[in-house]
Amino acid sequence: MNTFNDNLEIETPENLTLQAPIAGFGTRCVAALIDNLILGIGMVLCAFTYVIPAVEQSRNLMPIIIFVSSVFLVTALYHLLFELLWNGQSPGKRISGVRVIRA
């Protein structure tokens, strides 16, 4: 039976053993909290800058529709793009020292 280990060990075809530490629950939570704070602050600033003044002036719902669509796209692409462009790290993961690796 396998016991819990804080390191991931991968044996390569060349009989080398690669070891990588596994991020714990707390570290992952801190990284997610930082990423969500970045996303939240960006969304609030965008709402105060564009949506609220546009709705107050014209009573038009189009700015709200554009804002909701933009929030969806940014939220959906945030982690994907950062992990592709920053070698498996979003800003929260980079600050926390966590990185996604592939076997």
N, C-alpha and C. Protein backbone atom coordinates (compact mmCIF):
# COMPACT_ATOMS: atom_id res chain seq x y z
N MET A 1 0.84 -1.19 0.00
CA MET A 1 0.00 0.00 0.00
C MET A 1 0.88 1.25 0.00
N ASN A 2 0.48 2.23 -0.77
CA ASN A 2 1.23 3.47 -0.90
C ASN A 2 0.95 4.38 0.29
N THR A 3 1.98 5.01 0.84
CA THR A 3 1.79 5.98 1.91
C THR A 3 1.82 7.38 1.32
N PHE A 4 1.25 8.33 2.05
CA PHE A 4 1.23 9.71 1.59
C PHE A 4 2.64 10.28 1.61
N ASN A 5 3.00 10.94 0.53
CA ASN A 5 4.34 11.49 0.39
C ASN A 5 4.22 12.93 -0.08
N ASP A 6 5.07 13.82 0.44
CA ASP A 6 5.05 15.23 0.04
C ASP A 6 5.80 15.50 -1.25
N ASN A 7 6.42 14.47 -1.81
CA ASN A 7 7.17 14.62 -3.05
C ASN A 7 6.60 13.67 -4.11
N LEU A 8 6.60 14.14 -5.32
CA LEU A 8 6.22 13.31 -6.45
C LEU A 8 7.49 12.73 -7.04
N GLU A 9 7.53 11.42 -7.17
CA GLU A 9 8.70 10.76 -7.74
C GLU A 9 8.31 10.12 -9.06
N ILE A 10 9.06 10.45 -10.10
CA ILE A 10 8.81 9.90 -11.43
C ILE A 10 10.08 9.21 -11.89
N GLU A 11 9.94 7.94 -12.27
CA GLU A 11 11.10 7.22 -12.78
C GLU A 11 11.08 7.28 -14.30
N THR A 12 12.16 7.74 -14.87
CA THR A 12 12.25 7.90 -16.32
C THR A 12 12.73 6.60 -16.96
N PRO A 13 12.58 6.47 -18.28
CA PRO A 13 13.08 5.27 -18.96
C PRO A 13 14.59 5.07 -18.81
N GLU A 14 15.31 6.13 -18.49
CA GLU A 14 16.76 6.04 -18.31
C GLU A 14 17.14 5.66 -16.89
N ASN A 15 16.16 5.20 -16.09
CA ASN A 15 16.34 4.81 -14.68
C ASN A 15 16.79 5.96 -13.79
N LEU A 16 16.35 7.16 -14.11
CA LEU A 16 16.57 8.32 -13.26
C LEU A 16 15.28 8.60 -12.50
N THR A 17 15.41 9.00 -11.27
CA THR A 17 14.24 9.35 -10.48
C THR A 17 14.19 10.86 -10.33
N LEU A 18 13.11 11.45 -10.84
CA LEU A 18 12.90 12.89 -10.71
C LEU A 18 11.96 13.13 -9.54
N GLN A 19 12.29 14.10 -8.71
CA GLN A 19 11.45 14.43 -7.56
C GLN A 19 11.00 15.87 -7.64
N ALA A 20 9.73 16.09 -7.29
CA ALA A 20 9.17 17.44 -7.25
C ALA A 20 8.28 17.54 -6.03
N PRO A 21 8.40 18.61 -5.25
CA PRO A 21 7.51 18.76 -4.09
C PRO A 21 6.08 19.04 -4.54
N ILE A 22 5.13 18.49 -3.81
CA ILE A 22 3.71 18.69 -4.12
C ILE A 22 3.20 19.86 -3.28
N ALA A 23 2.50 20.78 -3.92
CA ALA A 23 1.95 21.93 -3.20
C ALA A 23 0.84 21.48 -2.27
N GLY A 24 0.82 22.02 -1.09
CA GLY A 24 -0.19 21.67 -0.11
C GLY A 24 -1.48 22.45 -0.31
N PHE A 25 -2.48 22.08 0.47
CA PHE A 25 -3.79 22.70 0.38
C PHE A 25 -3.73 24.19 0.69
N GLY A 26 -2.99 24.57 1.72
CA GLY A 26 -2.89 25.98 2.11
C GLY A 26 -2.24 26.83 1.05
N THR A 27 -1.18 26.32 0.46
CA THR A 27 -0.48 27.06 -0.60
C THR A 27 -1.37 27.26 -1.81
N ARG A 28 -2.12 26.22 -2.16
CA ARG A 28 -3.04 26.33 -3.29
C ARG A 28 -4.17 27.33 -2.99
N CYS A 29 -4.64 27.34 -1.76
CA CYS A 29 -5.70 28.29 -1.38
C CYS A 29 -5.20 29.73 -1.44
N VAL A 30 -3.98 29.97 -0.98
CA VAL A 30 -3.40 31.32 -1.04
C VAL A 30 -3.26 31.76 -2.49
N ALA A 31 -2.79 30.86 -3.35
CA ALA A 31 -2.65 31.20 -4.77
C ALA A 31 -4.00 31.51 -5.40
N ALA A 32 -5.02 30.71 -5.09
CA ALA A 32 -6.36 30.96 -5.63
C ALA A 32 -6.93 32.27 -5.09
N LEU A 33 -6.68 32.57 -3.82
CA LEU A 33 -7.17 33.82 -3.23
C LEU A 33 -6.53 35.02 -3.92
N ILE A 34 -5.23 34.97 -4.16
CA ILE A 34 -4.55 36.08 -4.84
C ILE A 34 -5.08 36.25 -6.26
N ASP A 35 -5.25 35.14 -6.99
CA ASP A 35 -5.78 35.23 -8.35
C ASP A 35 -7.20 35.80 -8.36
N ASN A 36 -8.03 35.36 -7.43
CA ASN A 36 -9.40 35.87 -7.39
C ASN A 36 -9.46 37.33 -6.95
N LEU A 37 -8.54 37.75 -6.08
CA LEU A 37 -8.47 39.17 -5.72
C LEU A 37 -8.08 40.02 -6.93
N ILE A 38 -7.13 39.55 -7.71
CA ILE A 38 -6.73 40.28 -8.92
C ILE A 38 -7.90 40.40 -9.88
N LEU A 39 -8.60 39.28 -10.11
CA LEU A 39 -9.76 39.31 -11.00
C LEU A 39 -10.86 40.21 -10.45
N GLY A 40 -11.14 40.12 -9.16
CA GLY A 40 -12.20 40.92 -8.55
C GLY A 40 -11.92 42.41 -8.60
N ILE A 41 -10.69 42.79 -8.28
CA ILE A 41 -10.32 44.21 -8.33
C ILE A 41 -10.44 44.74 -9.75
N GLY A 42 -9.99 43.96 -10.71
CA GLY A 42 -10.12 44.38 -12.11
C GLY A 42 -11.56 44.55 -12.54
N MET A 43 -12.43 43.64 -12.11
CA MET A 43 -13.85 43.73 -12.47
C MET A 43 -14.53 44.92 -11.81
N VAL A 44 -14.21 45.17 -10.55
CA VAL A 44 -14.81 46.30 -9.85
C VAL A 44 -14.36 47.61 -10.48
N LEU A 45 -13.08 47.73 -10.79
CA LEU A 45 -12.58 48.95 -11.44
C LEU A 45 -13.24 49.16 -12.80
N CYS A 46 -13.40 48.09 -13.54
CA CYS A 46 -14.05 48.17 -14.85
C CYS A 46 -15.52 48.59 -14.70
N ALA A 47 -16.19 48.04 -13.71
CA ALA A 47 -17.59 48.39 -13.49
C ALA A 47 -17.74 49.87 -13.12
N PHE A 48 -16.89 50.34 -12.21
CA PHE A 48 -16.98 51.74 -11.80
C PHE A 48 -16.57 52.69 -12.92
N THR A 49 -15.68 52.25 -13.77
CA THR A 49 -15.19 53.11 -14.83
C THR A 49 -16.14 53.20 -16.02
N TYR A 50 -16.70 52.07 -16.43
CA TYR A 50 -17.47 52.04 -17.68
C TYR A 50 -18.97 51.82 -17.49
N VAL A 51 -19.36 50.86 -16.69
CA VAL A 51 -20.76 50.45 -16.64
C VAL A 51 -21.62 51.45 -15.88
N ILE A 52 -21.23 51.81 -14.69
CA ILE A 52 -22.09 52.68 -13.87
C ILE A 52 -22.32 54.04 -14.53
N PRO A 53 -21.29 54.74 -15.03
CA PRO A 53 -21.56 56.02 -15.71
C PRO A 53 -22.42 55.86 -16.96
N ALA A 54 -22.21 54.80 -17.72
CA ALA A 54 -22.99 54.61 -18.95
C ALA A 54 -24.46 54.35 -18.65
N VAL A 55 -24.74 53.58 -17.62
CA VAL A 55 -26.13 53.27 -17.26
C VAL A 55 -26.81 54.50 -16.66
N GLU A 56 -26.09 55.27 -15.85
CA GLU A 56 -26.68 56.46 -15.25
C GLU A 56 -27.03 57.52 -16.29
N GLN A 57 -26.23 57.62 -17.34
CA GLN A 57 -26.46 58.65 -18.34
C GLN A 57 -27.55 58.28 -19.33
N SER A 58 -27.58 57.04 -19.78
CA SER A 58 -28.48 56.73 -20.88
C SER A 58 -29.54 55.69 -20.58
N ARG A 59 -29.49 55.07 -19.43
CA ARG A 59 -30.44 54.00 -19.08
C ARG A 59 -30.41 52.88 -20.12
N ASN A 60 -29.26 52.66 -20.71
CA ASN A 60 -29.08 51.65 -21.74
C ASN A 60 -28.50 50.39 -21.10
N LEU A 61 -28.98 49.23 -21.50
CA LEU A 61 -28.49 47.97 -20.94
C LEU A 61 -27.29 47.41 -21.70
N MET A 62 -26.94 47.98 -22.82
CA MET A 62 -25.84 47.46 -23.62
C MET A 62 -24.51 47.45 -22.86
N PRO A 63 -24.15 48.48 -22.09
CA PRO A 63 -22.90 48.42 -21.32
C PRO A 63 -22.89 47.26 -20.33
N ILE A 64 -24.03 46.94 -19.75
CA ILE A 64 -24.10 45.82 -18.81
C ILE A 64 -23.88 44.50 -19.55
N ILE A 65 -24.47 44.36 -20.71
CA ILE A 65 -24.30 43.14 -21.50
C ILE A 65 -22.83 42.98 -21.90
N ILE A 66 -22.21 44.05 -22.33
CA ILE A 66 -20.79 43.99 -22.71
C ILE A 66 -19.93 43.67 -21.49
N PHE A 67 -20.24 44.27 -20.34
CA PHE A 67 -19.48 44.03 -19.13
C PHE A 67 -19.59 42.57 -18.69
N VAL A 68 -20.79 42.02 -18.68
CA VAL A 68 -20.98 40.62 -18.27
C VAL A 68 -20.26 39.67 -19.23
N SER A 69 -20.33 39.96 -20.52
CA SER A 69 -19.62 39.14 -21.50
C SER A 69 -18.11 39.23 -21.29
N SER A 70 -17.61 40.42 -21.02
CA SER A 70 -16.18 40.60 -20.78
C SER A 70 -15.74 39.88 -19.52
N VAL A 71 -16.54 39.95 -18.46
CA VAL A 71 -16.21 39.25 -17.22
C VAL A 71 -16.13 37.75 -17.47
N PHE A 72 -17.06 37.22 -18.24
CA PHE A 72 -17.04 35.79 -18.56
C PHE A 72 -15.76 35.42 -19.31
N LEU A 73 -15.42 36.18 -20.33
CA LEU A 73 -14.23 35.87 -21.12
C LEU A 73 -12.94 35.98 -20.31
N VAL A 74 -12.83 37.04 -19.54
CA VAL A 74 -11.61 37.24 -18.75
C VAL A 74 -11.48 36.13 -17.71
N THR A 75 -12.56 35.79 -17.04
CA THR A 75 -12.53 34.73 -16.04
C THR A 75 -12.19 33.39 -16.67
N ALA A 76 -12.73 33.11 -17.83
CA ALA A 76 -12.49 31.83 -18.49
C ALA A 76 -11.07 31.73 -19.03
N LEU A 77 -10.51 32.83 -19.50
CA LEU A 77 -9.20 32.79 -20.15
C LEU A 77 -8.03 33.15 -19.23
N TYR A 78 -8.31 33.71 -18.07
CA TYR A 78 -7.26 34.17 -17.15
C TYR A 78 -6.26 33.06 -16.82
N HIS A 79 -6.74 31.97 -16.27
CA HIS A 79 -5.85 30.89 -15.85
C HIS A 79 -5.22 30.20 -17.06
N LEU A 80 -6.01 29.99 -18.10
CA LEU A 80 -5.51 29.30 -19.28
C LEU A 80 -4.34 30.06 -19.92
N LEU A 81 -4.53 31.34 -20.15
CA LEU A 81 -3.48 32.13 -20.81
C LEU A 81 -2.23 32.28 -19.94
N PHE A 82 -2.43 32.53 -18.64
CA PHE A 82 -1.26 32.67 -17.78
C PHE A 82 -0.48 31.37 -17.68
N GLU A 83 -1.18 30.23 -17.58
CA GLU A 83 -0.46 28.97 -17.47
C GLU A 83 0.26 28.62 -18.77
N LEU A 84 -0.28 29.04 -19.90
CA LEU A 84 0.40 28.80 -21.16
C LEU A 84 1.59 29.74 -21.35
N LEU A 85 1.42 31.01 -21.00
CA LEU A 85 2.45 32.01 -21.25
C LEU A 85 3.51 32.11 -20.15
N TRP A 86 3.14 31.77 -18.91
CA TRP A 86 4.06 31.89 -17.78
C TRP A 86 4.53 30.53 -17.26
N ASN A 87 4.62 29.54 -18.12
CA ASN A 87 5.12 28.21 -17.75
C ASN A 87 4.38 27.59 -16.57
N GLY A 88 3.06 27.58 -16.63
CA GLY A 88 2.27 26.90 -15.61
C GLY A 88 2.01 27.72 -14.37
N GLN A 89 2.14 29.03 -14.44
CA GLN A 89 1.93 29.87 -13.26
C GLN A 89 1.03 31.05 -13.59
N SER A 90 0.05 31.26 -12.74
CA SER A 90 -0.71 32.50 -12.76
C SER A 90 -0.02 33.44 -11.77
N PRO A 91 -0.42 34.71 -11.68
CA PRO A 91 0.23 35.59 -10.71
C PRO A 91 0.15 35.07 -9.27
N GLY A 92 -0.99 34.52 -8.88
CA GLY A 92 -1.12 33.97 -7.53
C GLY A 92 -0.21 32.78 -7.30
N LYS A 93 -0.09 31.93 -8.30
CA LYS A 93 0.80 30.77 -8.18
C LYS A 93 2.26 31.21 -8.13
N ARG A 94 2.60 32.23 -8.91
CA ARG A 94 3.98 32.71 -8.92
C ARG A 94 4.34 33.30 -7.56
N ILE A 95 3.44 34.08 -6.96
CA ILE A 95 3.70 34.66 -5.65
C ILE A 95 3.81 33.58 -4.58
N SER A 96 2.96 32.54 -4.69
CA SER A 96 2.95 31.44 -3.71
C SER A 96 4.03 30.41 -3.96
N GLY A 97 4.67 30.44 -5.11
CA GLY A 97 5.72 29.48 -5.42
C GLY A 97 5.19 28.15 -5.92
N VAL A 98 4.00 28.14 -6.50
CA VAL A 98 3.38 26.92 -7.02
C VAL A 98 3.48 26.94 -8.54
N ARG A 99 3.68 25.77 -9.13
CA ARG A 99 3.77 25.69 -10.58
C ARG A 99 3.14 24.37 -11.03
N VAL A 100 2.38 24.43 -12.14
CA VAL A 100 1.81 23.23 -12.74
C VAL A 100 2.88 22.59 -13.60
N ILE A 101 3.10 21.30 -13.38
CA ILE A 101 4.09 20.59 -14.22
C ILE A 101 3.42 19.42 -14.88
N ARG A 102 4.02 18.98 -15.97
CA ARG A 102 3.52 17.81 -16.69
C ARG A 102 4.51 16.68 -16.49
N ALA A 103 3.98 15.47 -16.35
CA ALA A 103 4.85 14.30 -16.17
C ALA A 103 5.58 14.00 -17.45
